Amino acid sequence: MNHFEIREIPGKFTTPDAFKTLMGIMGTNSQGIATSVLAQWVTNVSDLPLPEADKTALDTVIDELYSKVGEFAGEFLNNEGSGLYLLQSKINHSCVPNACSTFPYSNDIVVLKALAPIQEGEEICISYLDECQLERSRHSRHKVLRENYIFVCQCLKCQAQASDPDVTSDEEEDDDEMDDYDDDDDMN
């Protein structure tokens, strides 16, 4: 029994204003499609049973690789495209997600994967932030969510950290300093 009906609405996004609306929806709700070969390789080598020192060395190599490739690919390094999924786009954010969107077939088929047991009636939440952003301070996470998704997270993690000082994560400050350094280079 199909509980969902998908209908086309002819001409719905053919005016300039309607097209802008569609692009806004895509910008805030789109999902990167498929997984790059690099991301698959990183996942596979990260799962190898290695001594801690080798894992640390591997993490350093991966970070350097992502940094160098990221200079050319930008934020869509691990994606082969972008799409809007009717049901997946309705899933709310949490800084402690119980699910994640995956592309196990390296195509446009999105699969929602549970990260923890989900009880009947429990809301399914994904993170709109990447793994690095999730590790940052509550203040830094809220900043990214306000700027990109126009909301302030009230998940259990954010509530538990509500009394933390509103300071920016060290990593974000390092990023800002690098941006300032890059801007200085452009002036010379």
N, C-alpha and C. Protein backbone atom coordinates (compact mmCIF):
# COMPACT_ATOMS: atom_id res chain seq x y z
N MET A 1 0.84 -1.18 0.00
CA MET A 1 0.00 0.00 0.00
C MET A 1 0.89 1.25 0.00
N ASN A 2 0.72 2.10 -0.95
CA ASN A 2 1.51 3.31 -1.06
C ASN A 2 0.82 4.45 -0.31
N HIS A 3 1.53 5.02 0.68
CA HIS A 3 0.97 6.10 1.48
C HIS A 3 1.29 7.47 0.91
N PHE A 4 2.12 7.51 -0.11
CA PHE A 4 2.56 8.77 -0.66
C PHE A 4 2.23 8.85 -2.13
N GLU A 5 1.83 10.00 -2.55
CA GLU A 5 1.52 10.22 -3.95
C GLU A 5 2.40 11.35 -4.46
N ILE A 6 3.07 11.10 -5.55
CA ILE A 6 3.91 12.12 -6.15
C ILE A 6 3.23 12.57 -7.44
N ARG A 7 2.95 13.87 -7.50
CA ARG A 7 2.29 14.41 -8.69
C ARG A 7 3.15 15.52 -9.27
N GLU A 8 3.14 15.62 -10.57
CA GLU A 8 3.80 16.74 -11.22
C GLU A 8 2.84 17.90 -11.28
N ILE A 9 3.36 19.08 -11.08
CA ILE A 9 2.55 20.29 -11.20
C ILE A 9 3.10 21.07 -12.39
N PRO A 10 2.46 20.92 -13.56
CA PRO A 10 2.99 21.56 -14.76
C PRO A 10 3.11 23.07 -14.60
N GLY A 11 4.25 23.62 -15.01
CA GLY A 11 4.43 25.06 -15.01
C GLY A 11 4.64 25.68 -13.65
N LYS A 12 4.73 24.88 -12.60
CA LYS A 12 4.81 25.41 -11.24
C LYS A 12 6.04 26.31 -11.04
N PHE A 13 7.18 25.96 -11.61
CA PHE A 13 8.40 26.72 -11.38
C PHE A 13 8.91 27.39 -12.65
N THR A 14 8.01 27.82 -13.50
CA THR A 14 8.44 28.40 -14.77
C THR A 14 8.60 29.91 -14.73
N THR A 15 8.10 30.60 -13.72
CA THR A 15 8.30 32.05 -13.64
C THR A 15 9.62 32.33 -12.92
N PRO A 16 10.22 33.49 -13.15
CA PRO A 16 11.49 33.81 -12.46
C PRO A 16 11.36 33.75 -10.93
N ASP A 17 10.29 34.28 -10.36
CA ASP A 17 10.11 34.25 -8.90
C ASP A 17 9.95 32.83 -8.39
N ALA A 18 9.20 32.02 -9.13
CA ALA A 18 9.00 30.63 -8.72
C ALA A 18 10.31 29.86 -8.81
N PHE A 19 11.11 30.17 -9.83
CA PHE A 19 12.41 29.50 -9.98
C PHE A 19 13.33 29.88 -8.82
N LYS A 20 13.31 31.15 -8.40
CA LYS A 20 14.11 31.58 -7.25
C LYS A 20 13.68 30.83 -6.00
N THR A 21 12.38 30.63 -5.85
CA THR A 21 11.86 29.87 -4.71
C THR A 21 12.39 28.44 -4.75
N LEU A 22 12.35 27.83 -5.92
CA LEU A 22 12.85 26.46 -6.07
C LEU A 22 14.33 26.39 -5.72
N MET A 23 15.13 27.36 -6.18
CA MET A 23 16.56 27.36 -5.86
C MET A 23 16.78 27.55 -4.36
N GLY A 24 15.94 28.34 -3.70
CA GLY A 24 16.03 28.50 -2.25
C GLY A 24 15.73 27.20 -1.53
N ILE A 25 14.72 26.48 -2.01
CA ILE A 25 14.38 25.18 -1.43
C ILE A 25 15.53 24.21 -1.63
N MET A 26 16.10 24.19 -2.82
CA MET A 26 17.24 23.30 -3.10
C MET A 26 18.43 23.67 -2.22
N GLY A 27 18.66 24.96 -2.04
CA GLY A 27 19.81 25.40 -1.26
C GLY A 27 19.74 24.98 0.19
N THR A 28 18.55 24.97 0.76
CA THR A 28 18.44 24.62 2.18
C THR A 28 18.08 23.16 2.41
N ASN A 29 17.52 22.48 1.44
CA ASN A 29 17.06 21.12 1.66
C ASN A 29 17.70 20.08 0.76
N SER A 30 18.58 20.49 -0.13
CA SER A 30 19.12 19.51 -1.07
C SER A 30 20.09 18.56 -0.39
N GLN A 31 20.23 17.44 -0.98
CA GLN A 31 21.09 16.38 -0.46
C GLN A 31 22.13 16.09 -1.52
N GLY A 32 23.40 16.03 -1.11
CA GLY A 32 24.42 15.63 -2.06
C GLY A 32 24.10 14.24 -2.57
N ILE A 33 24.27 14.02 -3.85
CA ILE A 33 23.92 12.74 -4.45
C ILE A 33 25.18 11.92 -4.70
N ALA A 34 25.08 10.67 -4.35
CA ALA A 34 26.13 9.67 -4.55
C ALA A 34 27.33 9.99 -3.67
N THR A 35 28.27 9.14 -3.69
CA THR A 35 29.47 9.30 -2.89
C THR A 35 30.67 9.16 -3.81
N SER A 36 31.62 10.05 -3.63
CA SER A 36 32.79 10.02 -4.50
C SER A 36 33.64 8.78 -4.21
N VAL A 37 34.46 8.44 -5.16
CA VAL A 37 35.38 7.33 -5.01
C VAL A 37 36.32 7.62 -3.84
N LEU A 38 36.73 8.86 -3.68
CA LEU A 38 37.61 9.24 -2.58
C LEU A 38 36.92 8.96 -1.23
N ALA A 39 35.67 9.36 -1.09
CA ALA A 39 34.95 9.13 0.16
C ALA A 39 34.80 7.65 0.45
N GLN A 40 34.56 6.85 -0.58
CA GLN A 40 34.46 5.40 -0.40
C GLN A 40 35.79 4.82 0.06
N TRP A 41 36.89 5.30 -0.53
CA TRP A 41 38.21 4.83 -0.14
C TRP A 41 38.50 5.20 1.31
N VAL A 42 38.19 6.44 1.69
CA VAL A 42 38.42 6.89 3.07
C VAL A 42 37.62 6.02 4.04
N THR A 43 36.37 5.75 3.72
CA THR A 43 35.55 4.90 4.58
C THR A 43 36.17 3.52 4.72
N ASN A 44 36.60 2.94 3.61
CA ASN A 44 37.18 1.59 3.64
C ASN A 44 38.49 1.53 4.42
N VAL A 45 39.39 2.48 4.20
CA VAL A 45 40.66 2.42 4.92
C VAL A 45 40.50 2.81 6.38
N SER A 46 39.50 3.64 6.69
CA SER A 46 39.26 4.02 8.08
C SER A 46 38.74 2.85 8.90
N ASP A 47 38.12 1.88 8.22
CA ASP A 47 37.58 0.70 8.91
C ASP A 47 38.62 -0.40 9.10
N LEU A 48 39.83 -0.20 8.55
CA LEU A 48 40.86 -1.23 8.69
C LEU A 48 41.31 -1.35 10.15
N PRO A 49 41.55 -2.59 10.61
CA PRO A 49 42.04 -2.77 11.99
C PRO A 49 43.54 -2.44 12.06
N LEU A 50 43.84 -1.20 12.44
CA LEU A 50 45.22 -0.74 12.49
C LEU A 50 45.60 -0.36 13.92
N PRO A 51 46.90 -0.43 14.25
CA PRO A 51 47.36 0.07 15.54
C PRO A 51 47.06 1.58 15.63
N GLU A 52 46.91 2.09 16.84
CA GLU A 52 46.53 3.49 17.05
C GLU A 52 47.48 4.46 16.36
N ALA A 53 48.78 4.20 16.42
CA ALA A 53 49.75 5.09 15.76
C ALA A 53 49.54 5.13 14.25
N ASP A 54 49.23 3.99 13.66
CA ASP A 54 48.98 3.93 12.21
C ASP A 54 47.68 4.65 11.87
N LYS A 55 46.66 4.51 12.73
CA LYS A 55 45.38 5.22 12.50
C LYS A 55 45.61 6.73 12.54
N THR A 56 46.42 7.19 13.48
CA THR A 56 46.72 8.62 13.58
C THR A 56 47.45 9.10 12.33
N ALA A 57 48.43 8.34 11.88
CA ALA A 57 49.16 8.70 10.67
C ALA A 57 48.23 8.70 9.45
N LEU A 58 47.34 7.70 9.38
CA LEU A 58 46.38 7.62 8.28
C LEU A 58 45.44 8.82 8.30
N ASP A 59 44.97 9.20 9.49
CA ASP A 59 44.09 10.38 9.61
C ASP A 59 44.79 11.63 9.10
N THR A 60 46.08 11.77 9.39
CA THR A 60 46.84 12.92 8.92
C THR A 60 46.93 12.93 7.39
N VAL A 61 47.20 11.77 6.80
CA VAL A 61 47.27 11.66 5.34
C VAL A 61 45.92 12.00 4.72
N ILE A 62 44.84 11.47 5.31
CA ILE A 62 43.49 11.74 4.79
C ILE A 62 43.17 13.22 4.88
N ASP A 63 43.49 13.84 6.02
CA ASP A 63 43.23 15.28 6.19
C ASP A 63 43.98 16.10 5.14
N GLU A 64 45.25 15.76 4.91
CA GLU A 64 46.05 16.47 3.91
C GLU A 64 45.48 16.26 2.51
N LEU A 65 45.06 15.04 2.22
CA LEU A 65 44.49 14.72 0.92
C LEU A 65 43.21 15.51 0.68
N TYR A 66 42.31 15.50 1.69
CA TYR A 66 41.07 16.27 1.57
C TYR A 66 41.36 17.76 1.39
N SER A 67 42.33 18.25 2.11
CA SER A 67 42.67 19.67 2.01
C SER A 67 43.13 20.02 0.59
N LYS A 68 44.01 19.19 0.03
CA LYS A 68 44.53 19.47 -1.31
C LYS A 68 43.46 19.30 -2.38
N VAL A 69 42.67 18.25 -2.27
CA VAL A 69 41.62 18.03 -3.26
C VAL A 69 40.52 19.08 -3.09
N GLY A 70 40.26 19.46 -1.85
CA GLY A 70 39.22 20.45 -1.56
C GLY A 70 39.50 21.81 -2.18
N GLU A 71 40.79 22.12 -2.38
CA GLU A 71 41.14 23.39 -3.04
C GLU A 71 40.53 23.47 -4.43
N PHE A 72 40.36 22.31 -5.08
CA PHE A 72 39.82 22.28 -6.43
C PHE A 72 38.33 21.96 -6.45
N ALA A 73 37.88 21.08 -5.54
CA ALA A 73 36.50 20.59 -5.58
C ALA A 73 35.54 21.40 -4.72
N GLY A 74 36.04 22.12 -3.73
CA GLY A 74 35.17 22.89 -2.86
C GLY A 74 34.34 22.00 -1.96
N GLU A 75 33.19 22.52 -1.51
CA GLU A 75 32.39 21.82 -0.51
C GLU A 75 31.70 20.57 -1.04
N PHE A 76 31.65 20.38 -2.35
CA PHE A 76 31.00 19.20 -2.90
C PHE A 76 31.99 18.08 -3.22
N LEU A 77 33.09 18.09 -2.50
CA LEU A 77 34.14 17.11 -2.70
C LEU A 77 33.62 15.68 -2.68
N ASN A 78 32.73 15.37 -1.77
CA ASN A 78 32.26 13.99 -1.61
C ASN A 78 30.95 13.73 -2.34
N ASN A 79 30.51 14.63 -3.17
CA ASN A 79 29.24 14.47 -3.87
C ASN A 79 29.45 14.48 -5.37
N GLU A 80 28.54 13.82 -6.05
CA GLU A 80 28.57 13.85 -7.50
C GLU A 80 27.44 14.68 -8.06
N GLY A 81 26.66 15.30 -7.19
CA GLY A 81 25.55 16.13 -7.62
C GLY A 81 24.75 16.57 -6.42
N SER A 82 23.57 17.13 -6.68
CA SER A 82 22.70 17.58 -5.62
C SER A 82 21.27 17.31 -6.04
N GLY A 83 20.44 16.94 -5.10
CA GLY A 83 19.05 16.64 -5.41
C GLY A 83 18.14 16.95 -4.24
N LEU A 84 16.87 17.03 -4.50
CA LEU A 84 15.87 17.29 -3.47
C LEU A 84 15.00 16.05 -3.36
N TYR A 85 15.02 15.43 -2.20
CA TYR A 85 14.27 14.20 -1.96
C TYR A 85 13.04 14.52 -1.13
N LEU A 86 11.88 14.13 -1.62
CA LEU A 86 10.60 14.49 -1.02
C LEU A 86 10.53 14.13 0.46
N LEU A 87 10.82 12.91 0.82
CA LEU A 87 10.70 12.50 2.22
C LEU A 87 11.94 12.87 3.03
N GLN A 88 13.11 12.64 2.48
CA GLN A 88 14.35 12.91 3.22
C GLN A 88 14.46 14.39 3.58
N SER A 89 13.97 15.27 2.75
CA SER A 89 14.08 16.71 3.02
C SER A 89 13.20 17.15 4.18
N LYS A 90 12.31 16.28 4.64
CA LYS A 90 11.42 16.62 5.76
C LYS A 90 12.00 16.17 7.11
N ILE A 91 13.17 15.54 7.10
CA ILE A 91 13.77 15.04 8.33
C ILE A 91 14.48 16.19 9.05
N ASN A 92 14.18 16.34 10.32
CA ASN A 92 14.76 17.41 11.12
C ASN A 92 16.21 17.11 11.50
N HIS A 93 16.87 18.17 11.94
CA HIS A 93 18.27 18.11 12.36
C HIS A 93 18.39 17.83 13.86
N SER A 94 19.47 17.17 14.22
CA SER A 94 19.90 17.05 15.61
C SER A 94 21.42 17.00 15.61
N CYS A 95 22.03 17.57 16.64
CA CYS A 95 23.48 17.48 16.78
C CYS A 95 23.88 16.11 17.31
N VAL A 96 22.88 15.30 17.68
CA VAL A 96 23.09 13.90 18.05
C VAL A 96 22.11 13.09 17.21
N PRO A 97 22.40 12.96 15.91
CA PRO A 97 21.45 12.30 15.01
C PRO A 97 21.32 10.80 15.31
N ASN A 98 20.14 10.26 15.04
CA ASN A 98 19.96 8.82 15.19
C ASN A 98 19.93 8.13 13.83
N ALA A 99 20.13 8.92 12.76
CA ALA A 99 20.15 8.37 11.40
C ALA A 99 21.03 9.26 10.52
N CYS A 100 21.39 8.72 9.36
CA CYS A 100 22.13 9.51 8.38
C CYS A 100 21.69 9.09 6.98
N SER A 101 21.83 10.02 6.06
CA SER A 101 21.52 9.74 4.66
C SER A 101 22.78 9.17 4.01
N THR A 102 22.63 8.09 3.28
CA THR A 102 23.76 7.47 2.60
C THR A 102 23.40 7.17 1.16
N PHE A 103 24.41 6.96 0.37
CA PHE A 103 24.26 6.58 -1.03
C PHE A 103 25.09 5.32 -1.26
N PRO A 104 24.63 4.17 -0.77
CA PRO A 104 25.45 2.95 -0.82
C PRO A 104 25.66 2.39 -2.22
N TYR A 105 24.89 2.83 -3.18
CA TYR A 105 24.99 2.28 -4.53
C TYR A 105 25.71 3.23 -5.48
N SER A 106 26.26 4.33 -4.95
CA SER A 106 26.97 5.34 -5.75
C SER A 106 26.13 5.83 -6.92
N ASN A 107 24.84 6.05 -6.64
CA ASN A 107 23.96 6.64 -7.65
C ASN A 107 23.02 7.61 -6.94
N ASP A 108 21.86 7.88 -7.49
CA ASP A 108 20.96 8.87 -6.91
C ASP A 108 19.97 8.28 -5.89
N ILE A 109 20.15 7.03 -5.50
CA ILE A 109 19.24 6.41 -4.53
C ILE A 109 19.74 6.70 -3.12
N VAL A 110 18.92 7.43 -2.35
CA VAL A 110 19.29 7.77 -0.97
C VAL A 110 18.71 6.69 -0.04
N VAL A 111 19.52 6.29 0.93
CA VAL A 111 19.11 5.30 1.92
C VAL A 111 19.30 5.93 3.30
N LEU A 112 18.28 5.88 4.11
CA LEU A 112 18.37 6.39 5.47
C LEU A 112 18.85 5.26 6.36
N LYS A 113 19.98 5.47 7.03
CA LYS A 113 20.62 4.43 7.84
C LYS A 113 20.54 4.83 9.31
N ALA A 114 20.04 3.93 10.15
CA ALA A 114 19.97 4.18 11.59
C ALA A 114 21.37 4.15 12.18
N LEU A 115 21.69 5.14 13.02
CA LEU A 115 22.97 5.18 13.71
C LEU A 115 22.85 4.62 15.12
N ALA A 116 21.61 4.49 15.58
CA ALA A 116 21.32 3.97 16.91
C ALA A 116 19.93 3.35 16.84
N PRO A 117 19.59 2.50 17.80
CA PRO A 117 18.23 1.95 17.80
C PRO A 117 17.20 3.08 17.88
N ILE A 118 16.17 3.00 17.07
CA ILE A 118 15.11 4.01 17.03
C ILE A 118 13.83 3.36 17.51
N GLN A 119 13.27 3.90 18.58
CA GLN A 119 12.06 3.35 19.16
C GLN A 119 10.84 3.79 18.36
N GLU A 120 9.79 3.00 18.41
CA GLU A 120 8.54 3.36 17.76
C GLU A 120 8.06 4.69 18.32
N GLY A 121 7.72 5.60 17.44
CA GLY A 121 7.24 6.92 17.85
C GLY A 121 8.35 7.95 18.04
N GLU A 122 9.62 7.51 18.07
CA GLU A 122 10.75 8.43 18.23
C GLU A 122 11.00 9.15 16.91
N GLU A 123 11.28 10.43 16.98
CA GLU A 123 11.57 11.19 15.77
C GLU A 123 12.91 10.76 15.18
N ILE A 124 12.93 10.59 13.88
CA ILE A 124 14.17 10.29 13.16
C ILE A 124 14.81 11.63 12.83
N CYS A 125 16.08 11.79 13.21
CA CYS A 125 16.80 13.03 12.96
C CYS A 125 18.14 12.72 12.30
N ILE A 126 18.53 13.59 11.39
CA ILE A 126 19.85 13.52 10.77
C ILE A 126 20.59 14.80 11.16
N SER A 127 21.86 14.85 10.86
CA SER A 127 22.59 16.09 11.10
C SER A 127 22.72 16.85 9.80
N TYR A 128 22.45 18.14 9.84
CA TYR A 128 22.68 18.99 8.68
C TYR A 128 24.14 19.44 8.63
N LEU A 129 24.89 19.13 9.68
CA LEU A 129 26.29 19.52 9.78
C LEU A 129 27.18 18.33 9.46
N ASP A 130 28.39 18.60 9.00
CA ASP A 130 29.32 17.49 8.77
C ASP A 130 29.95 17.09 10.10
N GLU A 131 30.73 16.02 10.08
CA GLU A 131 31.30 15.48 11.32
C GLU A 131 32.17 16.50 12.04
N CYS A 132 32.95 17.27 11.32
CA CYS A 132 33.81 18.27 11.96
C CYS A 132 32.98 19.36 12.63
N GLN A 133 31.95 19.82 11.94
CA GLN A 133 31.09 20.86 12.52
C GLN A 133 30.36 20.36 13.76
N LEU A 134 30.00 19.08 13.78
CA LEU A 134 29.31 18.52 14.94
C LEU A 134 30.19 18.54 16.19
N GLU A 135 31.49 18.51 16.02
CA GLU A 135 32.41 18.49 17.16
C GLU A 135 32.71 19.89 17.69
N ARG A 136 32.27 20.91 16.99
CA ARG A 136 32.54 22.28 17.42
C ARG A 136 31.61 22.68 18.57
N SER A 137 31.87 23.85 19.12
CA SER A 137 31.07 24.34 20.24
C SER A 137 29.62 24.57 19.82
N ARG A 138 28.74 24.61 20.81
CA ARG A 138 27.32 24.89 20.55
C ARG A 138 27.18 26.21 19.81
N HIS A 139 27.92 27.21 20.23
CA HIS A 139 27.88 28.53 19.60
C HIS A 139 28.25 28.43 18.11
N SER A 140 29.31 27.69 17.81
CA SER A 140 29.74 27.53 16.42
C SER A 140 28.71 26.76 15.60
N ARG A 141 28.15 25.69 16.18
CA ARG A 141 27.12 24.92 15.47
C ARG A 141 25.91 25.79 15.17
N HIS A 142 25.48 26.56 16.18
CA HIS A 142 24.32 27.43 15.99
C HIS A 142 24.58 28.47 14.90
N LYS A 143 25.80 28.98 14.85
CA LYS A 143 26.15 29.98 13.83
C LYS A 143 25.96 29.40 12.44
N VAL A 144 26.48 28.19 12.21
CA VAL A 144 26.37 27.55 10.89
C VAL A 144 24.90 27.28 10.57
N LEU A 145 24.15 26.78 11.53
CA LEU A 145 22.74 26.46 11.28
C LEU A 145 21.92 27.72 11.01
N ARG A 146 22.20 28.81 11.74
CA ARG A 146 21.47 30.08 11.50
C ARG A 146 21.78 30.61 10.11
N GLU A 147 23.07 30.57 9.73
CA GLU A 147 23.47 31.12 8.43
C GLU A 147 22.96 30.30 7.25
N ASN A 148 22.90 28.98 7.41
CA ASN A 148 22.56 28.12 6.28
C ASN A 148 21.14 27.57 6.30
N TYR A 149 20.55 27.44 7.47
CA TYR A 149 19.24 26.81 7.55
C TYR A 149 18.19 27.66 8.28
N ILE A 150 18.62 28.80 8.79
CA ILE A 150 17.74 29.80 9.40
C ILE A 150 16.96 29.23 10.59
N PHE A 151 17.64 28.51 11.47
CA PHE A 151 17.03 28.07 12.73
C PHE A 151 18.12 27.87 13.76
N VAL A 152 17.70 27.81 15.02
CA VAL A 152 18.60 27.54 16.13
C VAL A 152 18.23 26.17 16.69
N CYS A 153 19.19 25.28 16.75
CA CYS A 153 18.95 23.92 17.20
C CYS A 153 18.64 23.89 18.70
N GLN A 154 17.66 23.08 19.05
CA GLN A 154 17.29 22.88 20.46
C GLN A 154 17.35 21.39 20.82
N CYS A 155 18.25 20.65 20.18
CA CYS A 155 18.38 19.22 20.47
C CYS A 155 18.91 19.01 21.89
N LEU A 156 18.93 17.76 22.34
CA LEU A 156 19.39 17.46 23.69
C LEU A 156 20.83 17.92 23.93
N LYS A 157 21.70 17.76 22.94
CA LYS A 157 23.09 18.18 23.08
C LYS A 157 23.17 19.70 23.26
N CYS A 158 22.43 20.44 22.45
CA CYS A 158 22.44 21.90 22.56
C CYS A 158 21.83 22.36 23.89
N GLN A 159 20.77 21.70 24.32
CA GLN A 159 20.17 22.04 25.61
C GLN A 159 21.14 21.78 26.75
N ALA A 160 21.87 20.66 26.68
CA ALA A 160 22.83 20.32 27.73
C ALA A 160 24.00 21.31 27.75
N GLN A 161 24.31 21.92 26.61
CA GLN A 161 25.42 22.87 26.52
C GLN A 161 24.96 24.33 26.58
N ALA A 162 23.68 24.55 26.93
CA ALA A 162 23.12 25.90 26.93
C ALA A 162 23.85 26.85 27.87
N SER A 163 24.41 26.33 28.96
CA SER A 163 25.12 27.20 29.90
C SER A 163 26.59 27.40 29.52
N ASP A 164 27.05 26.72 28.46
CA ASP A 164 28.42 26.91 28.00
C ASP A 164 28.58 28.35 27.50
N PRO A 165 29.77 28.92 27.65
CA PRO A 165 29.98 30.28 27.13
C PRO A 165 29.81 30.32 25.61
N ASP A 166 29.33 31.43 25.11
CA ASP A 166 29.15 31.60 23.67
C ASP A 166 30.48 31.96 23.03
N VAL A 167 31.32 30.95 22.91
CA VAL A 167 32.63 31.15 22.31
C VAL A 167 32.72 30.32 21.05
N THR A 168 33.56 30.77 20.15
CA THR A 168 33.77 30.08 18.89
C THR A 168 34.78 28.96 19.11
N SER A 169 34.56 27.84 18.44
CA SER A 169 35.49 26.71 18.54
C SER A 169 36.87 27.12 18.05
N ASP A 170 37.90 26.50 18.63
CA ASP A 170 39.28 26.77 18.21
C ASP A 170 39.45 26.52 16.72
N GLU A 171 38.83 25.44 16.21
CA GLU A 171 38.97 25.11 14.80
C GLU A 171 38.41 26.22 13.92
N GLU A 172 37.28 26.80 14.35
CA GLU A 172 36.67 27.86 13.55
C GLU A 172 37.54 29.11 13.58
N GLU A 173 38.13 29.41 14.73
CA GLU A 173 39.03 30.56 14.82
C GLU A 173 40.24 30.34 13.92
N ASP A 174 40.77 29.10 13.88
CA ASP A 174 41.88 28.78 12.99
C ASP A 174 41.48 28.99 11.54
N ASP A 175 40.25 28.57 11.18
CA ASP A 175 39.75 28.77 9.81
C ASP A 175 39.67 30.25 9.48
N ASP A 176 39.15 31.05 10.43
CA ASP A 176 39.02 32.50 10.21
C ASP A 176 40.40 33.14 10.04
N GLU A 177 41.38 32.70 10.84
CA GLU A 177 42.72 33.24 10.72
C GLU A 177 43.30 32.90 9.35
N MET A 178 43.06 31.68 8.85
CA MET A 178 43.54 31.29 7.52
C MET A 178 42.86 32.14 6.45
N ASP A 179 41.56 32.42 6.61
CA ASP A 179 40.85 33.27 5.66
C ASP A 179 41.47 34.66 5.65
N ASP A 180 41.79 35.20 6.85
CA ASP A 180 42.43 36.52 6.92
C ASP A 180 43.79 36.49 6.24
N TYR A 181 44.54 35.40 6.46
CA TYR A 181 45.85 35.25 5.85
C TYR A 181 45.72 35.21 4.33
N ASP A 182 44.73 34.46 3.84
CA ASP A 182 44.51 34.37 2.39
C ASP A 182 44.13 35.71 1.81
N ASP A 183 43.30 36.49 2.55
CA ASP A 183 42.90 37.81 2.09
C ASP A 183 44.11 38.74 1.99
N ASP A 184 45.05 38.63 2.96
CA ASP A 184 46.26 39.45 2.94
C ASP A 184 47.09 39.11 1.71
N ASP A 185 47.16 37.82 1.35
CA ASP A 185 47.92 37.41 0.16
C ASP A 185 47.35 38.04 -1.10
N ASP A 186 46.01 38.15 -1.15
CA ASP A 186 45.37 38.71 -2.34
C ASP A 186 45.73 40.17 -2.53
N MET A 187 46.06 40.87 -1.44
CA MET A 187 46.35 42.29 -1.52
C MET A 187 47.76 42.55 -2.04
N ASN A 188 48.64 41.56 -1.93
CA ASN A 188 50.03 41.77 -2.35
C ASN A 188 50.21 41.53 -3.83
